[in-house]
Amino acid sequence: MAHDPIETWKTMKIRVWPEDYFLIDIAHDKVGHAMDCIRHSSSRFCSVTRDKFGFSLVVDGETWSRFGDPGIERTKFGPLKVISTDSELPFDVPGFIRTAITPVNAKGLKAAPICGLQSDHFFTGAGEIDQVLEIFNAFSAGEREDA
């Protein structure tokens, strides 16, 4: 049975990872560097997405500087902050991400989602974190801003 996204947001606690993160684009043949970052980011957030263009990593700056290779970056964007839902998130919540992203985008902000099975994650510009958190915390408090 599907869960209501607004009611689910009311149960969410929000976690902001303290590190500064970067979105880094690397070629397919550099997969070893992506795996090194995953192995060495055990206490920090890390995400790797593979698509037809290559790999996109969301990795904290310290891990990348120690275990990455700036010479393989095709593009690097940041600094970013990562926000995670830090409560149990049922998988069958249609519109959970859209419910949050719509008011964020309506204010001219961006919070890009990265889905996980037990939590969802969003990255946003480090300079926008307070504004995005204000919106997400309003959902958790049961206050909904309509876009």
N, C-alpha and C. Protein backbone atom coordinates (compact mmCIF):
# COMPACT_ATOMS: atom_id res chain seq x y z
N MET A 1 0.84 -1.18 0.00
CA MET A 1 0.00 0.00 0.00
C MET A 1 0.89 1.25 0.00
N ALA A 2 0.60 2.17 -0.88
CA ALA A 2 1.40 3.39 -1.00
C ALA A 2 1.18 4.31 0.19
N HIS A 3 2.24 4.99 0.58
CA HIS A 3 2.20 5.94 1.69
C HIS A 3 2.05 7.36 1.14
N ASP A 4 1.40 8.21 1.91
CA ASP A 4 1.21 9.60 1.53
C ASP A 4 2.52 10.35 1.72
N PRO A 5 2.99 11.08 0.69
CA PRO A 5 4.29 11.76 0.82
C PRO A 5 4.32 12.84 1.90
N ILE A 6 3.24 13.58 2.06
CA ILE A 6 3.22 14.64 3.07
C ILE A 6 3.25 14.05 4.47
N GLU A 7 2.48 13.01 4.68
CA GLU A 7 2.49 12.35 5.99
C GLU A 7 3.84 11.71 6.27
N THR A 8 4.48 11.19 5.23
CA THR A 8 5.81 10.59 5.40
C THR A 8 6.83 11.66 5.76
N TRP A 9 6.75 12.82 5.10
CA TRP A 9 7.68 13.92 5.44
C TRP A 9 7.55 14.32 6.90
N LYS A 10 6.34 14.25 7.45
CA LYS A 10 6.14 14.63 8.85
C LYS A 10 6.91 13.72 9.81
N THR A 11 7.27 12.52 9.36
CA THR A 11 8.00 11.58 10.21
C THR A 11 9.52 11.67 10.01
N MET A 12 9.96 12.47 9.08
CA MET A 12 11.37 12.50 8.72
C MET A 12 12.19 13.39 9.64
N LYS A 13 13.32 12.87 10.03
CA LYS A 13 14.37 13.68 10.61
C LYS A 13 15.34 13.95 9.47
N ILE A 14 16.00 15.08 9.53
CA ILE A 14 16.91 15.50 8.46
C ILE A 14 18.34 15.51 9.01
N ARG A 15 19.25 15.00 8.22
CA ARG A 15 20.68 15.03 8.59
C ARG A 15 21.44 15.80 7.52
N VAL A 16 22.24 16.74 7.95
CA VAL A 16 23.15 17.44 7.04
C VAL A 16 24.54 16.91 7.30
N TRP A 17 25.17 16.38 6.28
CA TRP A 17 26.54 15.89 6.41
C TRP A 17 27.45 17.10 6.55
N PRO A 18 28.38 17.09 7.50
CA PRO A 18 29.14 18.30 7.79
C PRO A 18 30.19 18.69 6.74
N GLU A 19 30.63 17.74 5.96
CA GLU A 19 31.71 18.01 5.01
C GLU A 19 31.20 18.80 3.80
N ASP A 20 32.14 19.43 3.10
CA ASP A 20 31.84 20.01 1.79
C ASP A 20 32.04 18.92 0.75
N TYR A 21 31.11 18.84 -0.17
CA TYR A 21 31.10 17.79 -1.19
C TYR A 21 31.27 18.41 -2.57
N PHE A 22 31.63 17.56 -3.52
CA PHE A 22 31.80 17.98 -4.91
C PHE A 22 31.15 16.94 -5.80
N LEU A 23 30.59 17.40 -6.90
CA LEU A 23 30.07 16.53 -7.95
C LEU A 23 31.15 16.49 -9.02
N ILE A 24 31.67 15.30 -9.28
CA ILE A 24 32.81 15.15 -10.17
C ILE A 24 32.46 14.18 -11.29
N ASP A 25 32.73 14.57 -12.50
CA ASP A 25 32.48 13.75 -13.68
C ASP A 25 33.79 13.14 -14.15
N ILE A 26 33.81 11.80 -14.29
CA ILE A 26 34.99 11.11 -14.80
C ILE A 26 34.58 10.11 -15.88
N ALA A 27 35.53 9.73 -16.71
CA ALA A 27 35.27 8.80 -17.82
C ALA A 27 35.08 7.37 -17.31
N HIS A 28 34.42 6.55 -18.15
CA HIS A 28 34.18 5.15 -17.80
C HIS A 28 35.46 4.39 -17.43
N ASP A 29 36.54 4.66 -18.12
CA ASP A 29 37.76 3.89 -17.88
C ASP A 29 38.47 4.29 -16.59
N LYS A 30 37.90 5.20 -15.84
CA LYS A 30 38.48 5.63 -14.55
C LYS A 30 37.71 5.06 -13.36
N VAL A 31 37.04 3.95 -13.57
CA VAL A 31 36.20 3.36 -12.53
C VAL A 31 36.99 3.05 -11.26
N GLY A 32 38.26 2.75 -11.36
CA GLY A 32 39.07 2.46 -10.19
C GLY A 32 39.11 3.62 -9.22
N HIS A 33 39.13 4.83 -9.74
CA HIS A 33 39.13 6.02 -8.86
C HIS A 33 37.79 6.16 -8.14
N ALA A 34 36.71 5.84 -8.82
CA ALA A 34 35.40 5.89 -8.18
C ALA A 34 35.34 4.86 -7.05
N MET A 35 35.85 3.67 -7.30
CA MET A 35 35.84 2.62 -6.28
C MET A 35 36.75 2.98 -5.10
N ASP A 36 37.88 3.61 -5.36
CA ASP A 36 38.75 4.05 -4.27
C ASP A 36 38.03 5.03 -3.35
N CYS A 37 37.29 5.94 -3.95
CA CYS A 37 36.56 6.92 -3.13
C CYS A 37 35.51 6.23 -2.27
N ILE A 38 34.81 5.26 -2.82
CA ILE A 38 33.81 4.54 -2.05
C ILE A 38 34.47 3.81 -0.89
N ARG A 39 35.57 3.12 -1.16
CA ARG A 39 36.27 2.37 -0.11
C ARG A 39 36.77 3.27 1.01
N HIS A 40 37.19 4.47 0.70
CA HIS A 40 37.82 5.34 1.69
C HIS A 40 36.87 6.38 2.30
N SER A 41 35.61 6.36 1.93
CA SER A 41 34.67 7.34 2.49
C SER A 41 33.73 6.66 3.49
N SER A 42 34.24 5.71 4.25
CA SER A 42 33.39 4.88 5.10
C SER A 42 32.58 5.66 6.12
N SER A 43 33.06 6.77 6.61
CA SER A 43 32.29 7.53 7.61
C SER A 43 31.65 8.77 7.00
N ARG A 44 31.71 8.87 5.69
CA ARG A 44 31.17 10.04 5.01
C ARG A 44 30.25 9.59 3.89
N PHE A 45 29.44 10.52 3.42
CA PHE A 45 28.55 10.22 2.31
C PHE A 45 29.37 10.10 1.03
N CYS A 46 28.97 9.20 0.17
CA CYS A 46 29.56 9.08 -1.15
C CYS A 46 28.52 8.46 -2.07
N SER A 47 28.42 8.95 -3.27
CA SER A 47 27.50 8.41 -4.25
C SER A 47 28.20 8.32 -5.59
N VAL A 48 27.96 7.21 -6.28
CA VAL A 48 28.51 7.04 -7.62
C VAL A 48 27.36 6.65 -8.55
N THR A 49 27.24 7.37 -9.65
CA THR A 49 26.25 7.06 -10.65
C THR A 49 26.97 6.79 -11.96
N ARG A 50 26.63 5.70 -12.61
CA ARG A 50 27.19 5.40 -13.92
C ARG A 50 26.09 5.59 -14.94
N ASP A 51 26.43 6.29 -16.01
CA ASP A 51 25.50 6.44 -17.12
C ASP A 51 26.29 6.34 -18.42
N LYS A 52 25.68 6.66 -19.53
CA LYS A 52 26.35 6.48 -20.81
C LYS A 52 27.53 7.44 -21.00
N PHE A 53 27.61 8.49 -20.18
CA PHE A 53 28.67 9.48 -20.32
C PHE A 53 29.91 9.16 -19.48
N GLY A 54 29.73 8.38 -18.42
CA GLY A 54 30.84 8.10 -17.51
C GLY A 54 30.31 7.91 -16.11
N PHE A 55 31.10 8.35 -15.12
CA PHE A 55 30.72 8.25 -13.72
C PHE A 55 30.57 9.65 -13.14
N SER A 56 29.54 9.82 -12.32
CA SER A 56 29.36 11.04 -11.55
C SER A 56 29.53 10.66 -10.09
N LEU A 57 30.44 11.32 -9.42
CA LEU A 57 30.69 11.07 -8.01
C LEU A 57 30.23 12.27 -7.21
N VAL A 58 29.57 12.02 -6.09
CA VAL A 58 29.37 13.03 -5.07
C VAL A 58 30.24 12.55 -3.93
N VAL A 59 31.30 13.29 -3.67
CA VAL A 59 32.30 12.86 -2.69
C VAL A 59 32.81 14.09 -1.94
N ASP A 60 33.15 13.87 -0.67
CA ASP A 60 33.66 14.99 0.11
C ASP A 60 35.05 15.39 -0.38
N GLY A 61 35.37 16.64 -0.22
CA GLY A 61 36.62 17.19 -0.73
C GLY A 61 37.86 16.52 -0.16
N GLU A 62 37.85 16.19 1.13
CA GLU A 62 39.03 15.56 1.73
C GLU A 62 39.28 14.17 1.14
N THR A 63 38.22 13.37 1.00
CA THR A 63 38.39 12.03 0.42
C THR A 63 38.90 12.14 -1.00
N TRP A 64 38.35 13.07 -1.77
CA TRP A 64 38.79 13.21 -3.17
C TRP A 64 40.24 13.67 -3.24
N SER A 65 40.63 14.59 -2.36
CA SER A 65 42.00 15.08 -2.41
C SER A 65 43.00 14.00 -1.99
N ARG A 66 42.59 13.08 -1.11
CA ARG A 66 43.49 12.02 -0.65
C ARG A 66 43.49 10.81 -1.56
N PHE A 67 42.33 10.44 -2.15
CA PHE A 67 42.23 9.18 -2.88
C PHE A 67 41.79 9.34 -4.33
N GLY A 68 41.41 10.53 -4.72
CA GLY A 68 41.02 10.78 -6.10
C GLY A 68 42.21 11.24 -6.91
N ASP A 69 41.91 11.71 -8.09
CA ASP A 69 42.96 12.20 -8.99
C ASP A 69 42.40 13.40 -9.75
N PRO A 70 42.75 14.62 -9.34
CA PRO A 70 42.23 15.80 -10.02
C PRO A 70 42.50 15.80 -11.53
N GLY A 71 43.52 15.06 -11.95
CA GLY A 71 43.85 15.01 -13.37
C GLY A 71 42.82 14.28 -14.22
N ILE A 72 41.90 13.52 -13.60
CA ILE A 72 40.89 12.80 -14.38
C ILE A 72 39.53 13.48 -14.38
N GLU A 73 39.42 14.60 -13.66
CA GLU A 73 38.15 15.32 -13.60
C GLU A 73 37.83 15.91 -14.97
N ARG A 74 36.68 15.55 -15.50
CA ARG A 74 36.24 16.22 -16.72
C ARG A 74 35.49 17.49 -16.34
N THR A 75 34.74 17.41 -15.25
CA THR A 75 34.04 18.56 -14.69
C THR A 75 33.96 18.36 -13.18
N LYS A 76 34.06 19.45 -12.45
CA LYS A 76 33.93 19.40 -10.98
C LYS A 76 33.08 20.58 -10.57
N PHE A 77 32.06 20.30 -9.74
CA PHE A 77 31.13 21.33 -9.33
C PHE A 77 30.99 21.29 -7.81
N GLY A 78 31.04 22.45 -7.19
CA GLY A 78 30.87 22.51 -5.75
C GLY A 78 31.50 23.77 -5.21
N PRO A 79 31.53 23.96 -3.92
CA PRO A 79 31.19 22.98 -2.89
C PRO A 79 29.67 22.82 -2.73
N LEU A 80 29.32 21.63 -2.32
CA LEU A 80 27.93 21.24 -2.11
C LEU A 80 27.76 20.78 -0.67
N LYS A 81 26.53 20.74 -0.25
CA LYS A 81 26.16 20.11 1.02
C LYS A 81 25.20 18.98 0.70
N VAL A 82 25.26 17.92 1.51
CA VAL A 82 24.38 16.76 1.33
C VAL A 82 23.43 16.70 2.51
N ILE A 83 22.15 16.54 2.18
CA ILE A 83 21.07 16.39 3.16
C ILE A 83 20.52 14.98 2.99
N SER A 84 20.36 14.26 4.09
CA SER A 84 19.77 12.92 4.03
C SER A 84 18.55 12.86 4.92
N THR A 85 17.56 12.07 4.49
CA THR A 85 16.47 11.74 5.40
C THR A 85 17.07 10.74 6.37
N ASP A 86 16.87 10.95 7.64
CA ASP A 86 17.54 10.16 8.67
C ASP A 86 16.51 9.42 9.52
N SER A 87 15.46 8.97 8.85
CA SER A 87 14.39 8.20 9.48
C SER A 87 14.02 7.09 8.52
N GLU A 88 13.29 6.12 9.01
CA GLU A 88 12.85 5.04 8.13
C GLU A 88 12.00 5.60 7.01
N LEU A 89 12.34 5.23 5.79
CA LEU A 89 11.62 5.71 4.62
C LEU A 89 11.04 4.52 3.87
N PRO A 90 9.72 4.34 3.91
CA PRO A 90 9.14 3.24 3.15
C PRO A 90 9.41 3.45 1.65
N PHE A 91 9.64 2.36 0.94
CA PHE A 91 9.96 2.46 -0.48
C PHE A 91 8.77 2.97 -1.31
N ASP A 92 7.57 2.61 -0.93
CA ASP A 92 6.40 2.94 -1.75
C ASP A 92 5.74 4.26 -1.32
N VAL A 93 6.48 5.35 -1.50
CA VAL A 93 5.96 6.69 -1.22
C VAL A 93 6.01 7.48 -2.53
N PRO A 94 4.95 7.38 -3.35
CA PRO A 94 4.98 8.12 -4.61
C PRO A 94 4.94 9.63 -4.37
N GLY A 95 5.85 10.34 -5.01
CA GLY A 95 5.86 11.79 -4.90
C GLY A 95 6.64 12.34 -3.72
N PHE A 96 7.36 11.50 -2.99
CA PHE A 96 8.11 11.97 -1.83
C PHE A 96 9.13 13.03 -2.22
N ILE A 97 9.91 12.76 -3.24
CA ILE A 97 10.93 13.71 -3.68
C ILE A 97 10.27 14.93 -4.32
N ARG A 98 9.29 14.72 -5.17
CA ARG A 98 8.62 15.85 -5.83
C ARG A 98 8.00 16.80 -4.82
N THR A 99 7.44 16.25 -3.75
CA THR A 99 6.82 17.07 -2.72
C THR A 99 7.82 18.06 -2.13
N ALA A 100 9.08 17.64 -2.00
CA ALA A 100 10.11 18.52 -1.46
C ALA A 100 10.72 19.43 -2.51
N ILE A 101 10.93 18.88 -3.69
CA ILE A 101 11.64 19.64 -4.74
C ILE A 101 10.79 20.78 -5.30
N THR A 102 9.50 20.60 -5.39
CA THR A 102 8.63 21.63 -5.98
C THR A 102 8.78 22.97 -5.26
N PRO A 103 8.65 23.05 -3.94
CA PRO A 103 8.82 24.36 -3.29
C PRO A 103 10.27 24.86 -3.31
N VAL A 104 11.23 23.93 -3.31
CA VAL A 104 12.63 24.34 -3.41
C VAL A 104 12.86 25.03 -4.75
N ASN A 105 12.42 24.41 -5.84
CA ASN A 105 12.57 24.98 -7.17
C ASN A 105 11.78 26.27 -7.33
N ALA A 106 10.61 26.36 -6.70
CA ALA A 106 9.79 27.56 -6.80
C ALA A 106 10.50 28.78 -6.22
N LYS A 107 11.43 28.55 -5.30
CA LYS A 107 12.21 29.65 -4.72
C LYS A 107 13.52 29.89 -5.48
N GLY A 108 13.67 29.22 -6.64
CA GLY A 108 14.87 29.40 -7.45
C GLY A 108 16.08 28.66 -6.91
N LEU A 109 15.84 27.65 -6.09
CA LEU A 109 16.92 26.85 -5.50
C LEU A 109 16.94 25.48 -6.14
N LYS A 110 17.99 24.73 -5.87
CA LYS A 110 18.08 23.37 -6.39
C LYS A 110 18.52 22.44 -5.28
N ALA A 111 17.88 21.30 -5.20
CA ALA A 111 18.29 20.21 -4.33
C ALA A 111 18.15 18.95 -5.17
N ALA A 112 19.25 18.48 -5.71
CA ALA A 112 19.23 17.33 -6.61
C ALA A 112 19.11 16.05 -5.78
N PRO A 113 18.17 15.17 -6.14
CA PRO A 113 17.97 13.95 -5.35
C PRO A 113 18.91 12.82 -5.77
N ILE A 114 19.26 12.02 -4.78
CA ILE A 114 19.96 10.75 -4.98
C ILE A 114 19.18 9.75 -4.13
N CYS A 115 18.56 8.79 -4.78
CA CYS A 115 17.69 7.87 -4.04
C CYS A 115 18.48 6.71 -3.46
N GLY A 116 18.11 6.36 -2.25
CA GLY A 116 18.62 5.16 -1.59
C GLY A 116 17.43 4.32 -1.19
N LEU A 117 17.67 3.10 -0.82
CA LEU A 117 16.56 2.24 -0.44
C LEU A 117 15.99 2.63 0.92
N GLN A 118 16.85 2.99 1.87
CA GLN A 118 16.38 3.30 3.21
C GLN A 118 16.29 4.79 3.49
N SER A 119 16.96 5.62 2.72
CA SER A 119 16.90 7.07 2.87
C SER A 119 17.04 7.69 1.50
N ASP A 120 16.55 8.89 1.40
CA ASP A 120 16.82 9.68 0.21
C ASP A 120 17.82 10.75 0.58
N HIS A 121 18.55 11.22 -0.40
CA HIS A 121 19.61 12.19 -0.19
C HIS A 121 19.44 13.29 -1.24
N PHE A 122 19.84 14.47 -0.88
CA PHE A 122 19.75 15.62 -1.77
C PHE A 122 21.06 16.39 -1.65
N PHE A 123 21.57 16.87 -2.77
CA PHE A 123 22.71 17.77 -2.66
C PHE A 123 22.31 19.12 -3.22
N THR A 124 22.84 20.14 -2.56
CA THR A 124 22.53 21.52 -2.92
C THR A 124 23.80 22.35 -2.75
N GLY A 125 23.82 23.52 -3.35
CA GLY A 125 24.97 24.40 -3.19
C GLY A 125 25.20 24.74 -1.73
N ALA A 126 26.46 24.79 -1.32
CA ALA A 126 26.78 25.08 0.08
C ALA A 126 26.17 26.42 0.51
N GLY A 127 26.10 27.38 -0.40
CA GLY A 127 25.54 28.68 -0.07
C GLY A 127 24.02 28.70 0.04
N GLU A 128 23.35 27.63 -0.39
CA GLU A 128 21.89 27.54 -0.36
C GLU A 128 21.37 26.61 0.72
N ILE A 129 22.27 25.99 1.48
CA ILE A 129 21.86 24.94 2.41
C ILE A 129 20.83 25.44 3.43
N ASP A 130 21.00 26.63 3.98
CA ASP A 130 20.06 27.11 4.99
C ASP A 130 18.65 27.28 4.43
N GLN A 131 18.55 27.80 3.22
CA GLN A 131 17.24 28.00 2.61
C GLN A 131 16.56 26.66 2.30
N VAL A 132 17.31 25.71 1.78
CA VAL A 132 16.74 24.39 1.47
C VAL A 132 16.34 23.68 2.76
N LEU A 133 17.18 23.75 3.78
CA LEU A 133 16.84 23.14 5.07
C LEU A 133 15.57 23.73 5.67
N GLU A 134 15.39 25.01 5.53
CA GLU A 134 14.19 25.66 6.05
C GLU A 134 12.94 25.03 5.44
N ILE A 135 12.98 24.78 4.14
CA ILE A 135 11.84 24.15 3.45
C ILE A 135 11.66 22.72 3.92
N PHE A 136 12.75 21.94 3.96
CA PHE A 136 12.65 20.54 4.38
C PHE A 136 12.19 20.43 5.83
N ASN A 137 12.69 21.29 6.69
CA ASN A 137 12.27 21.25 8.09
C ASN A 137 10.80 21.64 8.25
N ALA A 138 10.31 22.51 7.39
CA ALA A 138 8.88 22.85 7.43
C ALA A 138 8.03 21.61 7.13
N PHE A 139 8.47 20.79 6.18
CA PHE A 139 7.76 19.55 5.90
C PHE A 139 7.76 18.63 7.12
N SER A 140 8.94 18.49 7.73
CA SER A 140 9.04 17.61 8.90
C SER A 140 8.17 18.11 10.05
N ALA A 141 7.97 19.42 10.13
CA ALA A 141 7.11 19.99 11.17
C ALA A 141 5.64 19.95 10.79
N GLY A 142 5.34 19.43 9.59
CA GLY A 142 3.96 19.34 9.15
C GLY A 142 3.44 20.60 8.49
N GLU A 143 4.32 21.54 8.21
CA GLU A 143 3.94 22.78 7.53
C GLU A 143 4.27 22.62 6.07
N ARG A 144 3.29 22.80 5.20
CA ARG A 144 3.52 22.61 3.79
C ARG A 144 3.38 23.93 3.07
N GLU A 145 4.44 24.28 2.32
CA GLU A 145 4.36 25.45 1.46
C GLU A 145 3.94 24.98 0.08
N ASP A 146 2.88 25.53 -0.43
CA ASP A 146 2.48 25.18 -1.79
C ASP A 146 3.26 26.05 -2.75
N ALA A 147 3.77 25.40 -3.80
CA ALA A 147 4.57 26.12 -4.79
C ALA A 147 3.69 26.94 -5.69
